[in-house]
Amino acid sequence: MEGVGFDGHHVLDLVQKHHPDVVLMDVEMPKMDGIEATRQIKERFPNLGVIMLTNFRHDTWLKEALEAGADGFLTKDAPRADLSAAIKQVAKGGRFMSTKPLNMLIANYEDPNFTPDPKYTAGKQALTPAERDVWQEVLKGKSNAQIAKTLHSQESTIKTHMTSIMQKFQVRSRAELLVFSAKNGAIHE
């Protein structure tokens, strides 16, 4: 651990000074909140992983944090195993979302009169069986390495499938794929 920032400005100074691989960012901080600090970090250091650590009392925080570029989402009461997994996954360039924020995200998009986005339907239909298997594992929150182990495949093969999956759904990142899939009802299929 390189340091503890007490407000968003202090966190930015610490990142500039120490160049960490991952930042654990609290949403609620004085002077500059964690979402704005994340936005500024990602503008200056786009490859730096940022994990939002909060109680997610307000579901708008999750959307704002995603838009700011956060790579991971943990609740403050998350088990240590989740914290460790999140840090490892984000340090490798992956994404992580613990159960509570994922459920909040899904709840925001549940609607009895819901009709999926045509891009979602077309993307889903275009998936090969192997891509569909990978996509289902992504929806469970697994990393590429975990998916490779589950599907008895090479991690490079999983990365190739992920590139194709994201192209078919017309999304740019794993986080965007999760949001788009959840928004279109994938979790309930």
N, C-alpha and C. Protein backbone atom coordinates (compact mmCIF):
# COMPACT_ATOMS: atom_id res chain seq x y z
N MET A 1 0.85 -1.17 0.00
CA MET A 1 0.00 0.00 0.00
C MET A 1 0.90 1.23 0.00
N GLU A 2 0.60 2.15 -0.90
CA GLU A 2 1.42 3.35 -1.07
C GLU A 2 0.97 4.51 -0.21
N GLY A 3 -0.33 4.62 0.07
CA GLY A 3 -0.81 5.74 0.85
C GLY A 3 -2.31 5.76 0.96
N VAL A 4 -2.80 6.63 1.84
CA VAL A 4 -4.23 6.79 2.05
C VAL A 4 -4.57 8.25 1.81
N GLY A 5 -5.48 8.49 0.88
CA GLY A 5 -5.92 9.85 0.59
C GLY A 5 -7.17 10.17 1.37
N PHE A 6 -7.25 11.39 1.88
CA PHE A 6 -8.39 11.78 2.72
C PHE A 6 -9.44 12.57 1.96
N ASP A 7 -9.10 13.00 0.76
CA ASP A 7 -10.07 13.64 -0.11
C ASP A 7 -9.62 13.40 -1.55
N GLY A 8 -10.47 13.72 -2.50
CA GLY A 8 -10.17 13.44 -3.89
C GLY A 8 -8.89 14.08 -4.39
N HIS A 9 -8.62 15.31 -3.95
CA HIS A 9 -7.40 16.00 -4.38
C HIS A 9 -6.17 15.28 -3.85
N HIS A 10 -6.23 14.84 -2.60
CA HIS A 10 -5.11 14.12 -1.99
C HIS A 10 -4.86 12.81 -2.72
N VAL A 11 -5.93 12.11 -3.11
CA VAL A 11 -5.78 10.86 -3.86
C VAL A 11 -5.07 11.13 -5.19
N LEU A 12 -5.46 12.19 -5.89
CA LEU A 12 -4.80 12.53 -7.15
C LEU A 12 -3.31 12.80 -6.95
N ASP A 13 -2.97 13.51 -5.87
CA ASP A 13 -1.56 13.78 -5.56
C ASP A 13 -0.80 12.48 -5.31
N LEU A 14 -1.41 11.56 -4.55
CA LEU A 14 -0.76 10.28 -4.25
C LEU A 14 -0.56 9.44 -5.51
N VAL A 15 -1.54 9.44 -6.38
CA VAL A 15 -1.42 8.69 -7.64
C VAL A 15 -0.28 9.27 -8.48
N GLN A 16 -0.22 10.60 -8.56
CA GLN A 16 0.84 11.26 -9.32
C GLN A 16 2.22 10.92 -8.75
N LYS A 17 2.31 10.85 -7.44
CA LYS A 17 3.59 10.61 -6.77
C LYS A 17 4.02 9.15 -6.82
N HIS A 18 3.09 8.21 -6.60
CA HIS A 18 3.47 6.80 -6.42
C HIS A 18 3.19 5.90 -7.62
N HIS A 19 2.35 6.31 -8.55
CA HIS A 19 2.01 5.50 -9.74
C HIS A 19 1.62 4.07 -9.37
N PRO A 20 0.57 3.90 -8.57
CA PRO A 20 0.15 2.54 -8.18
C PRO A 20 -0.50 1.80 -9.35
N ASP A 21 -0.66 0.49 -9.19
CA ASP A 21 -1.36 -0.31 -10.21
C ASP A 21 -2.87 -0.22 -10.04
N VAL A 22 -3.31 -0.12 -8.78
CA VAL A 22 -4.74 -0.10 -8.46
C VAL A 22 -4.99 0.92 -7.36
N VAL A 23 -6.13 1.62 -7.46
CA VAL A 23 -6.56 2.55 -6.42
C VAL A 23 -7.90 2.07 -5.88
N LEU A 24 -8.00 1.96 -4.55
CA LEU A 24 -9.29 1.72 -3.90
C LEU A 24 -9.87 3.08 -3.59
N MET A 25 -11.02 3.38 -4.18
CA MET A 25 -11.58 4.74 -4.12
C MET A 25 -12.92 4.74 -3.40
N ASP A 26 -13.02 5.53 -2.35
CA ASP A 26 -14.30 5.72 -1.67
C ASP A 26 -15.10 6.75 -2.46
N VAL A 27 -16.38 6.50 -2.63
CA VAL A 27 -17.23 7.46 -3.35
C VAL A 27 -17.38 8.74 -2.55
N GLU A 28 -17.61 8.60 -1.25
CA GLU A 28 -17.91 9.75 -0.40
C GLU A 28 -16.63 10.28 0.24
N MET A 29 -16.09 11.36 -0.34
CA MET A 29 -14.92 12.02 0.21
C MET A 29 -15.15 13.52 0.17
N PRO A 30 -14.53 14.26 1.08
CA PRO A 30 -14.68 15.72 1.07
C PRO A 30 -13.93 16.36 -0.10
N LYS A 31 -14.26 17.57 -0.38
CA LYS A 31 -13.65 18.43 -1.40
C LYS A 31 -13.89 17.94 -2.83
N MET A 32 -13.51 16.71 -3.12
CA MET A 32 -13.76 16.11 -4.44
C MET A 32 -14.17 14.67 -4.19
N ASP A 33 -15.36 14.29 -4.64
CA ASP A 33 -15.81 12.92 -4.37
C ASP A 33 -15.04 11.90 -5.21
N GLY A 34 -15.21 10.64 -4.87
CA GLY A 34 -14.48 9.57 -5.53
C GLY A 34 -14.81 9.41 -7.00
N ILE A 35 -16.02 9.77 -7.39
CA ILE A 35 -16.40 9.64 -8.80
C ILE A 35 -15.63 10.66 -9.64
N GLU A 36 -15.58 11.90 -9.18
CA GLU A 36 -14.83 12.92 -9.91
C GLU A 36 -13.33 12.61 -9.88
N ALA A 37 -12.83 12.13 -8.75
CA ALA A 37 -11.41 11.76 -8.67
C ALA A 37 -11.11 10.62 -9.65
N THR A 38 -12.02 9.65 -9.75
CA THR A 38 -11.85 8.55 -10.70
C THR A 38 -11.81 9.08 -12.13
N ARG A 39 -12.72 9.98 -12.45
CA ARG A 39 -12.77 10.56 -13.79
C ARG A 39 -11.42 11.23 -14.13
N GLN A 40 -10.89 12.00 -13.18
CA GLN A 40 -9.63 12.70 -13.43
C GLN A 40 -8.45 11.73 -13.51
N ILE A 41 -8.46 10.70 -12.67
CA ILE A 41 -7.39 9.69 -12.72
C ILE A 41 -7.40 9.00 -14.08
N LYS A 42 -8.58 8.61 -14.55
CA LYS A 42 -8.69 7.89 -15.82
C LYS A 42 -8.30 8.77 -17.01
N GLU A 43 -8.53 10.09 -16.89
CA GLU A 43 -8.09 11.00 -17.96
C GLU A 43 -6.57 11.07 -18.02
N ARG A 44 -5.92 11.08 -16.86
CA ARG A 44 -4.46 11.22 -16.79
C ARG A 44 -3.74 9.88 -16.90
N PHE A 45 -4.34 8.84 -16.32
CA PHE A 45 -3.72 7.51 -16.27
C PHE A 45 -4.74 6.45 -16.69
N PRO A 46 -5.04 6.35 -17.98
CA PRO A 46 -6.14 5.48 -18.42
C PRO A 46 -5.94 4.00 -18.09
N ASN A 47 -4.71 3.56 -17.90
CA ASN A 47 -4.46 2.14 -17.61
C ASN A 47 -4.44 1.81 -16.12
N LEU A 48 -4.59 2.82 -15.29
CA LEU A 48 -4.61 2.61 -13.84
C LEU A 48 -5.97 2.05 -13.43
N GLY A 49 -5.98 0.97 -12.68
CA GLY A 49 -7.23 0.37 -12.23
C GLY A 49 -7.81 1.12 -11.03
N VAL A 50 -9.11 1.36 -11.08
CA VAL A 50 -9.80 2.03 -9.97
C VAL A 50 -10.96 1.16 -9.52
N ILE A 51 -10.95 0.82 -8.23
CA ILE A 51 -12.03 0.04 -7.63
C ILE A 51 -12.81 0.95 -6.70
N MET A 52 -14.10 1.10 -6.96
CA MET A 52 -14.96 1.91 -6.11
C MET A 52 -15.34 1.09 -4.88
N LEU A 53 -15.12 1.66 -3.72
CA LEU A 53 -15.40 1.00 -2.45
C LEU A 53 -16.39 1.87 -1.69
N THR A 54 -17.62 1.39 -1.54
CA THR A 54 -18.66 2.21 -0.93
C THR A 54 -19.80 1.34 -0.44
N ASN A 55 -20.79 1.96 0.15
CA ASN A 55 -21.98 1.21 0.56
C ASN A 55 -23.07 1.28 -0.51
N PHE A 56 -22.84 2.04 -1.58
CA PHE A 56 -23.79 2.17 -2.69
C PHE A 56 -25.20 2.47 -2.19
N ARG A 57 -25.32 3.45 -1.30
CA ARG A 57 -26.64 3.86 -0.81
C ARG A 57 -27.48 4.45 -1.93
N HIS A 58 -26.82 5.06 -2.89
CA HIS A 58 -27.53 5.71 -3.99
C HIS A 58 -27.19 4.98 -5.29
N ASP A 59 -28.20 4.43 -5.95
CA ASP A 59 -27.93 3.65 -7.16
C ASP A 59 -27.37 4.50 -8.30
N THR A 60 -27.54 5.81 -8.23
CA THR A 60 -26.97 6.66 -9.27
C THR A 60 -25.44 6.66 -9.21
N TRP A 61 -24.88 6.39 -8.03
CA TRP A 61 -23.43 6.34 -7.90
C TRP A 61 -22.84 5.27 -8.81
N LEU A 62 -23.50 4.14 -8.89
CA LEU A 62 -23.00 3.05 -9.70
C LEU A 62 -22.90 3.47 -11.17
N LYS A 63 -23.94 4.06 -11.68
CA LYS A 63 -23.95 4.52 -13.08
C LYS A 63 -22.88 5.60 -13.29
N GLU A 64 -22.81 6.54 -12.38
CA GLU A 64 -21.83 7.62 -12.50
C GLU A 64 -20.40 7.08 -12.43
N ALA A 65 -20.18 6.11 -11.56
CA ALA A 65 -18.84 5.52 -11.43
C ALA A 65 -18.46 4.75 -12.69
N LEU A 66 -19.42 4.04 -13.27
CA LEU A 66 -19.16 3.35 -14.55
C LEU A 66 -18.78 4.36 -15.63
N GLU A 67 -19.54 5.44 -15.70
CA GLU A 67 -19.27 6.47 -16.71
C GLU A 67 -17.93 7.15 -16.47
N ALA A 68 -17.51 7.23 -15.21
CA ALA A 68 -16.22 7.85 -14.88
C ALA A 68 -15.05 6.94 -15.23
N GLY A 69 -15.33 5.65 -15.45
CA GLY A 69 -14.27 4.72 -15.84
C GLY A 69 -13.84 3.74 -14.78
N ALA A 70 -14.59 3.62 -13.68
CA ALA A 70 -14.22 2.67 -12.63
C ALA A 70 -14.14 1.25 -13.19
N ASP A 71 -13.19 0.49 -12.68
CA ASP A 71 -12.96 -0.88 -13.16
C ASP A 71 -13.54 -1.93 -12.24
N GLY A 72 -13.82 -1.55 -11.00
CA GLY A 72 -14.34 -2.51 -10.04
C GLY A 72 -15.27 -1.84 -9.06
N PHE A 73 -16.15 -2.66 -8.47
CA PHE A 73 -17.15 -2.15 -7.53
C PHE A 73 -17.27 -3.12 -6.37
N LEU A 74 -16.99 -2.64 -5.18
CA LEU A 74 -17.10 -3.44 -3.96
C LEU A 74 -17.87 -2.66 -2.91
N THR A 75 -18.64 -3.39 -2.11
CA THR A 75 -19.26 -2.76 -0.96
C THR A 75 -18.26 -2.78 0.19
N LYS A 76 -18.44 -1.86 1.13
CA LYS A 76 -17.50 -1.77 2.24
C LYS A 76 -17.56 -3.01 3.14
N ASP A 77 -18.67 -3.75 3.08
CA ASP A 77 -18.77 -4.96 3.89
C ASP A 77 -18.43 -6.23 3.10
N ALA A 78 -17.82 -6.06 1.94
CA ALA A 78 -17.45 -7.22 1.11
C ALA A 78 -16.42 -8.08 1.84
N PRO A 79 -16.49 -9.39 1.66
CA PRO A 79 -15.50 -10.28 2.28
C PRO A 79 -14.09 -9.98 1.76
N ARG A 80 -13.09 -10.29 2.58
CA ARG A 80 -11.70 -10.06 2.18
C ARG A 80 -11.36 -10.78 0.88
N ALA A 81 -11.95 -11.95 0.69
CA ALA A 81 -11.69 -12.71 -0.54
C ALA A 81 -12.12 -11.91 -1.76
N ASP A 82 -13.25 -11.19 -1.67
CA ASP A 82 -13.70 -10.35 -2.78
C ASP A 82 -12.73 -9.19 -3.01
N LEU A 83 -12.26 -8.59 -1.93
CA LEU A 83 -11.30 -7.49 -2.06
C LEU A 83 -10.03 -7.97 -2.75
N SER A 84 -9.53 -9.10 -2.30
CA SER A 84 -8.32 -9.67 -2.90
C SER A 84 -8.54 -10.00 -4.37
N ALA A 85 -9.67 -10.64 -4.67
CA ALA A 85 -9.98 -11.01 -6.06
C ALA A 85 -10.12 -9.76 -6.93
N ALA A 86 -10.78 -8.73 -6.40
CA ALA A 86 -10.97 -7.50 -7.16
C ALA A 86 -9.63 -6.85 -7.49
N ILE A 87 -8.76 -6.74 -6.50
CA ILE A 87 -7.45 -6.11 -6.72
C ILE A 87 -6.66 -6.89 -7.77
N LYS A 88 -6.62 -8.22 -7.63
CA LYS A 88 -5.87 -9.04 -8.59
C LYS A 88 -6.44 -8.91 -10.00
N GLN A 89 -7.76 -8.96 -10.11
CA GLN A 89 -8.39 -8.91 -11.43
C GLN A 89 -8.21 -7.55 -12.08
N VAL A 90 -8.40 -6.48 -11.32
CA VAL A 90 -8.26 -5.13 -11.87
C VAL A 90 -6.79 -4.83 -12.19
N ALA A 91 -5.86 -5.32 -11.38
CA ALA A 91 -4.44 -5.12 -11.65
C ALA A 91 -4.02 -5.76 -12.97
N LYS A 92 -4.72 -6.83 -13.37
CA LYS A 92 -4.43 -7.50 -14.64
C LYS A 92 -5.17 -6.86 -15.81
N GLY A 93 -5.90 -5.78 -15.55
CA GLY A 93 -6.64 -5.11 -16.61
C GLY A 93 -8.08 -5.57 -16.73
N GLY A 94 -8.54 -6.38 -15.78
CA GLY A 94 -9.90 -6.89 -15.81
C GLY A 94 -10.87 -6.00 -15.06
N ARG A 95 -12.06 -6.51 -14.88
CA ARG A 95 -13.13 -5.80 -14.16
C ARG A 95 -13.63 -6.69 -13.03
N PHE A 96 -14.26 -6.07 -12.04
CA PHE A 96 -14.83 -6.84 -10.93
C PHE A 96 -16.04 -6.11 -10.39
N MET A 97 -17.09 -6.86 -10.12
CA MET A 97 -18.27 -6.28 -9.51
C MET A 97 -18.81 -7.28 -8.49
N SER A 98 -18.90 -6.85 -7.23
CA SER A 98 -19.44 -7.75 -6.22
C SER A 98 -20.96 -7.82 -6.35
N THR A 99 -21.56 -8.74 -5.62
CA THR A 99 -22.97 -9.08 -5.79
C THR A 99 -23.91 -7.90 -5.59
N LYS A 100 -23.73 -7.12 -4.53
CA LYS A 100 -24.68 -6.04 -4.24
C LYS A 100 -24.75 -5.00 -5.37
N PRO A 101 -23.63 -4.46 -5.84
CA PRO A 101 -23.74 -3.50 -6.94
C PRO A 101 -24.29 -4.13 -8.22
N LEU A 102 -23.95 -5.39 -8.48
CA LEU A 102 -24.50 -6.05 -9.67
C LEU A 102 -26.01 -6.18 -9.57
N ASN A 103 -26.50 -6.57 -8.38
CA ASN A 103 -27.95 -6.67 -8.19
C ASN A 103 -28.64 -5.32 -8.32
N MET A 104 -27.99 -4.25 -7.83
CA MET A 104 -28.55 -2.91 -7.98
C MET A 104 -28.65 -2.54 -9.46
N LEU A 105 -27.63 -2.87 -10.19
CA LEU A 105 -27.61 -2.57 -11.62
C LEU A 105 -28.75 -3.29 -12.33
N ILE A 106 -28.93 -4.54 -12.01
CA ILE A 106 -29.99 -5.34 -12.62
C ILE A 106 -31.36 -4.77 -12.24
N ALA A 107 -31.54 -4.44 -10.97
CA ALA A 107 -32.84 -3.93 -10.50
C ALA A 107 -33.23 -2.64 -11.21
N ASN A 108 -32.23 -1.82 -11.55
CA ASN A 108 -32.51 -0.57 -12.26
C ASN A 108 -33.11 -0.80 -13.64
N TYR A 109 -32.88 -1.96 -14.19
CA TYR A 109 -33.32 -2.21 -15.56
C TYR A 109 -34.49 -3.18 -15.66
N GLU A 110 -34.97 -3.69 -14.52
CA GLU A 110 -36.10 -4.61 -14.57
C GLU A 110 -37.39 -3.83 -14.82
N ASP A 111 -38.17 -4.31 -15.76
CA ASP A 111 -39.42 -3.66 -16.13
C ASP A 111 -40.31 -4.72 -16.76
N PRO A 112 -41.54 -4.87 -16.26
CA PRO A 112 -42.41 -5.91 -16.82
C PRO A 112 -42.77 -5.68 -18.30
N ASN A 113 -42.69 -4.46 -18.78
CA ASN A 113 -43.00 -4.15 -20.18
C ASN A 113 -41.75 -4.05 -21.04
N PHE A 114 -40.68 -4.62 -20.55
CA PHE A 114 -39.37 -4.50 -21.16
C PHE A 114 -39.28 -5.21 -22.52
N THR A 115 -38.64 -4.56 -23.48
CA THR A 115 -38.31 -5.16 -24.77
C THR A 115 -36.81 -4.97 -24.99
N PRO A 116 -36.07 -6.06 -25.27
CA PRO A 116 -34.62 -5.92 -25.45
C PRO A 116 -34.26 -5.04 -26.64
N ASP A 117 -33.12 -4.40 -26.53
CA ASP A 117 -32.55 -3.59 -27.60
C ASP A 117 -32.29 -4.51 -28.81
N PRO A 118 -32.64 -4.08 -30.01
CA PRO A 118 -32.39 -4.91 -31.20
C PRO A 118 -30.92 -5.29 -31.37
N LYS A 119 -29.98 -4.40 -30.96
CA LYS A 119 -28.55 -4.73 -31.03
C LYS A 119 -28.23 -5.91 -30.12
N TYR A 120 -28.90 -5.97 -28.97
CA TYR A 120 -28.69 -7.07 -28.04
C TYR A 120 -29.19 -8.38 -28.66
N THR A 121 -30.39 -8.35 -29.20
CA THR A 121 -30.98 -9.55 -29.80
C THR A 121 -30.12 -10.04 -30.96
N ALA A 122 -29.69 -9.12 -31.83
CA ALA A 122 -28.85 -9.49 -32.97
C ALA A 122 -27.50 -10.04 -32.51
N GLY A 123 -26.90 -9.37 -31.52
CA GLY A 123 -25.62 -9.82 -31.00
C GLY A 123 -25.70 -11.20 -30.39
N LYS A 124 -26.75 -11.42 -29.61
CA LYS A 124 -26.94 -12.72 -28.96
C LYS A 124 -27.12 -13.82 -30.00
N GLN A 125 -27.90 -13.55 -31.02
CA GLN A 125 -28.14 -14.55 -32.07
C GLN A 125 -26.88 -14.83 -32.88
N ALA A 126 -25.98 -13.86 -32.97
CA ALA A 126 -24.75 -14.02 -33.75
C ALA A 126 -23.66 -14.79 -33.01
N LEU A 127 -23.82 -14.98 -31.69
CA LEU A 127 -22.80 -15.68 -30.91
C LEU A 127 -22.68 -17.14 -31.34
N THR A 128 -21.44 -17.60 -31.43
CA THR A 128 -21.21 -19.03 -31.66
C THR A 128 -21.47 -19.75 -30.33
N PRO A 129 -21.62 -21.07 -30.34
CA PRO A 129 -21.80 -21.79 -29.07
C PRO A 129 -20.65 -21.54 -28.08
N ALA A 130 -19.42 -21.49 -28.57
CA ALA A 130 -18.28 -21.24 -27.68
C ALA A 130 -18.35 -19.82 -27.10
N GLU A 131 -18.71 -18.85 -27.93
CA GLU A 131 -18.83 -17.47 -27.45
C GLU A 131 -19.96 -17.36 -26.43
N ARG A 132 -21.05 -18.07 -26.67
CA ARG A 132 -22.17 -18.05 -25.73
C ARG A 132 -21.73 -18.60 -24.36
N ASP A 133 -20.92 -19.66 -24.36
CA ASP A 133 -20.41 -20.22 -23.11
C ASP A 133 -19.54 -19.19 -22.38
N VAL A 134 -18.67 -18.51 -23.12
CA VAL A 134 -17.80 -17.49 -22.51
C VAL A 134 -18.65 -16.36 -21.96
N TRP A 135 -19.61 -15.90 -22.74
CA TRP A 135 -20.49 -14.80 -22.33
C TRP A 135 -21.23 -15.15 -21.04
N GLN A 136 -21.73 -16.37 -20.94
CA GLN A 136 -22.45 -16.79 -19.73
C GLN A 136 -21.53 -16.75 -18.51
N GLU A 137 -20.27 -17.10 -18.69
CA GLU A 137 -19.31 -17.05 -17.58
C GLU A 137 -18.97 -15.60 -17.22
N VAL A 138 -18.90 -14.72 -18.22
CA VAL A 138 -18.67 -13.29 -17.96
C VAL A 138 -19.81 -12.75 -17.11
N LEU A 139 -21.04 -13.16 -17.42
CA LEU A 139 -22.21 -12.69 -16.66
C LEU A 139 -22.16 -13.14 -15.21
N LYS A 140 -21.39 -14.17 -14.92
CA LYS A 140 -21.21 -14.64 -13.54
C LYS A 140 -20.10 -13.87 -12.84
N GLY A 141 -19.46 -12.95 -13.55
CA GLY A 141 -18.42 -12.11 -12.96
C GLY A 141 -17.04 -12.72 -13.01
N LYS A 142 -16.83 -13.74 -13.81
CA LYS A 142 -15.54 -14.41 -13.86
C LYS A 142 -14.54 -13.66 -14.74
N SER A 143 -13.27 -13.78 -14.38
CA SER A 143 -12.19 -13.20 -15.17
C SER A 143 -11.88 -14.13 -16.34
N ASN A 144 -11.07 -13.66 -17.28
CA ASN A 144 -10.68 -14.51 -18.41
C ASN A 144 -9.98 -15.78 -17.94
N ALA A 145 -9.10 -15.64 -16.95
CA ALA A 145 -8.38 -16.81 -16.43
C ALA A 145 -9.35 -17.81 -15.81
N GLN A 146 -10.31 -17.32 -15.05
CA GLN A 146 -11.30 -18.21 -14.43
C GLN A 146 -12.16 -18.89 -15.50
N ILE A 147 -12.53 -18.15 -16.53
CA ILE A 147 -13.34 -18.72 -17.61
C ILE A 147 -12.55 -19.80 -18.34
N ALA A 148 -11.28 -19.52 -18.61
CA ALA A 148 -10.43 -20.51 -19.29
C ALA A 148 -10.38 -21.81 -18.48
N LYS A 149 -10.24 -21.68 -17.18
CA LYS A 149 -10.19 -22.87 -16.32
C LYS A 149 -11.53 -23.61 -16.35
N THR A 150 -12.63 -22.88 -16.21
CA THR A 150 -13.96 -23.49 -16.21
C THR A 150 -14.26 -24.21 -17.53
N LEU A 151 -13.88 -23.58 -18.64
CA LEU A 151 -14.20 -24.13 -19.96
C LEU A 151 -13.08 -24.99 -20.54
N HIS A 152 -12.04 -25.22 -19.73
CA HIS A 152 -10.91 -26.06 -20.16
C HIS A 152 -10.33 -25.55 -21.48
N SER A 153 -9.98 -24.27 -21.46
CA SER A 153 -9.49 -23.60 -22.66
C SER A 153 -8.27 -22.76 -22.30
N GLN A 154 -7.65 -22.17 -23.29
CA GLN A 154 -6.53 -21.26 -23.08
C GLN A 154 -7.06 -19.85 -22.85
N GLU A 155 -6.37 -19.08 -22.02
CA GLU A 155 -6.79 -17.71 -21.76
C GLU A 155 -6.77 -16.88 -23.05
N SER A 156 -5.82 -17.14 -23.93
CA SER A 156 -5.75 -16.41 -25.20
C SER A 156 -6.99 -16.68 -26.05
N THR A 157 -7.51 -17.90 -25.99
CA THR A 157 -8.74 -18.24 -26.72
C THR A 157 -9.91 -17.47 -26.15
N ILE A 158 -9.96 -17.36 -24.82
CA ILE A 158 -11.04 -16.62 -24.16
C ILE A 158 -10.98 -15.15 -24.57
N LYS A 159 -9.77 -14.59 -24.61
CA LYS A 159 -9.62 -13.18 -25.02
C LYS A 159 -10.11 -12.98 -26.46
N THR A 160 -9.81 -13.92 -27.33
CA THR A 160 -10.29 -13.84 -28.71
C THR A 160 -11.81 -13.87 -28.75
N HIS A 161 -12.40 -14.79 -27.98
CA HIS A 161 -13.86 -14.86 -27.92
C HIS A 161 -14.44 -13.56 -27.36
N MET A 162 -13.79 -12.98 -26.33
CA MET A 162 -14.29 -11.73 -25.73
C MET A 162 -14.29 -10.60 -26.76
N THR A 163 -13.24 -10.52 -27.56
CA THR A 163 -13.18 -9.49 -28.60
C THR A 163 -14.35 -9.65 -29.57
N SER A 164 -14.60 -10.87 -29.98
CA SER A 164 -15.70 -11.14 -30.91
C SER A 164 -17.06 -10.85 -30.26
N ILE A 165 -17.23 -11.25 -29.01
CA ILE A 165 -18.49 -11.02 -28.28
C ILE A 165 -18.77 -9.52 -28.19
N MET A 166 -17.75 -8.75 -27.81
CA MET A 166 -17.94 -7.30 -27.68
C MET A 166 -18.26 -6.65 -29.02
N GLN A 167 -17.66 -7.15 -30.09
CA GLN A 167 -17.98 -6.62 -31.43
C GLN A 167 -19.43 -6.94 -31.79
N LYS A 168 -19.87 -8.14 -31.49
CA LYS A 168 -21.23 -8.55 -31.86
C LYS A 168 -22.29 -7.79 -31.07
N PHE A 169 -21.98 -7.45 -29.81
CA PHE A 169 -22.92 -6.66 -29.01
C PHE A 169 -22.70 -5.16 -29.18
N GLN A 170 -21.66 -4.78 -29.94
CA GLN A 170 -21.33 -3.39 -30.22
C GLN A 170 -21.03 -2.61 -28.93
N VAL A 171 -20.19 -3.22 -28.07
CA VAL A 171 -19.74 -2.57 -26.84
C VAL A 171 -18.22 -2.51 -26.86
N ARG A 172 -17.64 -1.64 -26.02
CA ARG A 172 -16.20 -1.42 -26.04
C ARG A 172 -15.44 -2.03 -24.87
N SER A 173 -16.15 -2.44 -23.83
CA SER A 173 -15.44 -2.95 -22.66
C SER A 173 -16.26 -4.05 -21.98
N ARG A 174 -15.59 -4.77 -21.11
CA ARG A 174 -16.26 -5.83 -20.35
C ARG A 174 -17.35 -5.23 -19.46
N ALA A 175 -17.05 -4.10 -18.83
CA ALA A 175 -18.05 -3.45 -17.97
C ALA A 175 -19.27 -3.03 -18.79
N GLU A 176 -19.03 -2.48 -19.97
CA GLU A 176 -20.14 -2.08 -20.84
C GLU A 176 -20.94 -3.31 -21.28
N LEU A 177 -20.25 -4.43 -21.53
CA LEU A 177 -20.94 -5.67 -21.90
C LEU A 177 -21.84 -6.13 -20.76
N LEU A 178 -21.34 -6.07 -19.52
CA LEU A 178 -22.15 -6.47 -18.36
C LEU A 178 -23.37 -5.58 -18.21
N VAL A 179 -23.17 -4.28 -18.32
CA VAL A 179 -24.29 -3.34 -18.18
C VAL A 179 -25.31 -3.57 -19.29
N PHE A 180 -24.83 -3.67 -20.53
CA PHE A 180 -25.71 -3.86 -21.68
C PHE A 180 -26.48 -5.17 -21.55
N SER A 181 -25.80 -6.23 -21.13
CA SER A 181 -26.45 -7.53 -20.96
C SER A 181 -27.49 -7.49 -19.86
N ALA A 182 -27.13 -6.88 -18.73
CA ALA A 182 -28.07 -6.78 -17.61
C ALA A 182 -29.27 -5.93 -18.00
N LYS A 183 -29.01 -4.83 -18.67
CA LYS A 183 -30.08 -3.92 -19.11
C LYS A 183 -31.06 -4.63 -20.04
N ASN A 184 -30.57 -5.61 -20.76
CA ASN A 184 -31.40 -6.32 -21.74
C ASN A 184 -31.87 -7.68 -21.26
N GLY A 185 -31.77 -7.93 -19.96
CA GLY A 185 -32.38 -9.11 -19.37
C GLY A 185 -31.57 -10.37 -19.37
N ALA A 186 -30.28 -10.31 -19.68
CA ALA A 186 -29.47 -11.53 -19.78
C ALA A 186 -29.40 -12.30 -18.48
N ILE A 187 -29.46 -11.62 -17.36
CA ILE A 187 -29.31 -12.28 -16.07
C ILE A 187 -30.49 -13.21 -15.80
N HIS A 188 -31.62 -12.93 -16.40
CA HIS A 188 -32.83 -13.73 -16.13
C HIS A 188 -33.05 -14.84 -17.14
N GLU A 189 -32.14 -15.00 -18.10
CA GLU A 189 -32.33 -16.01 -19.15
C GLU A 189 -31.93 -17.39 -18.67
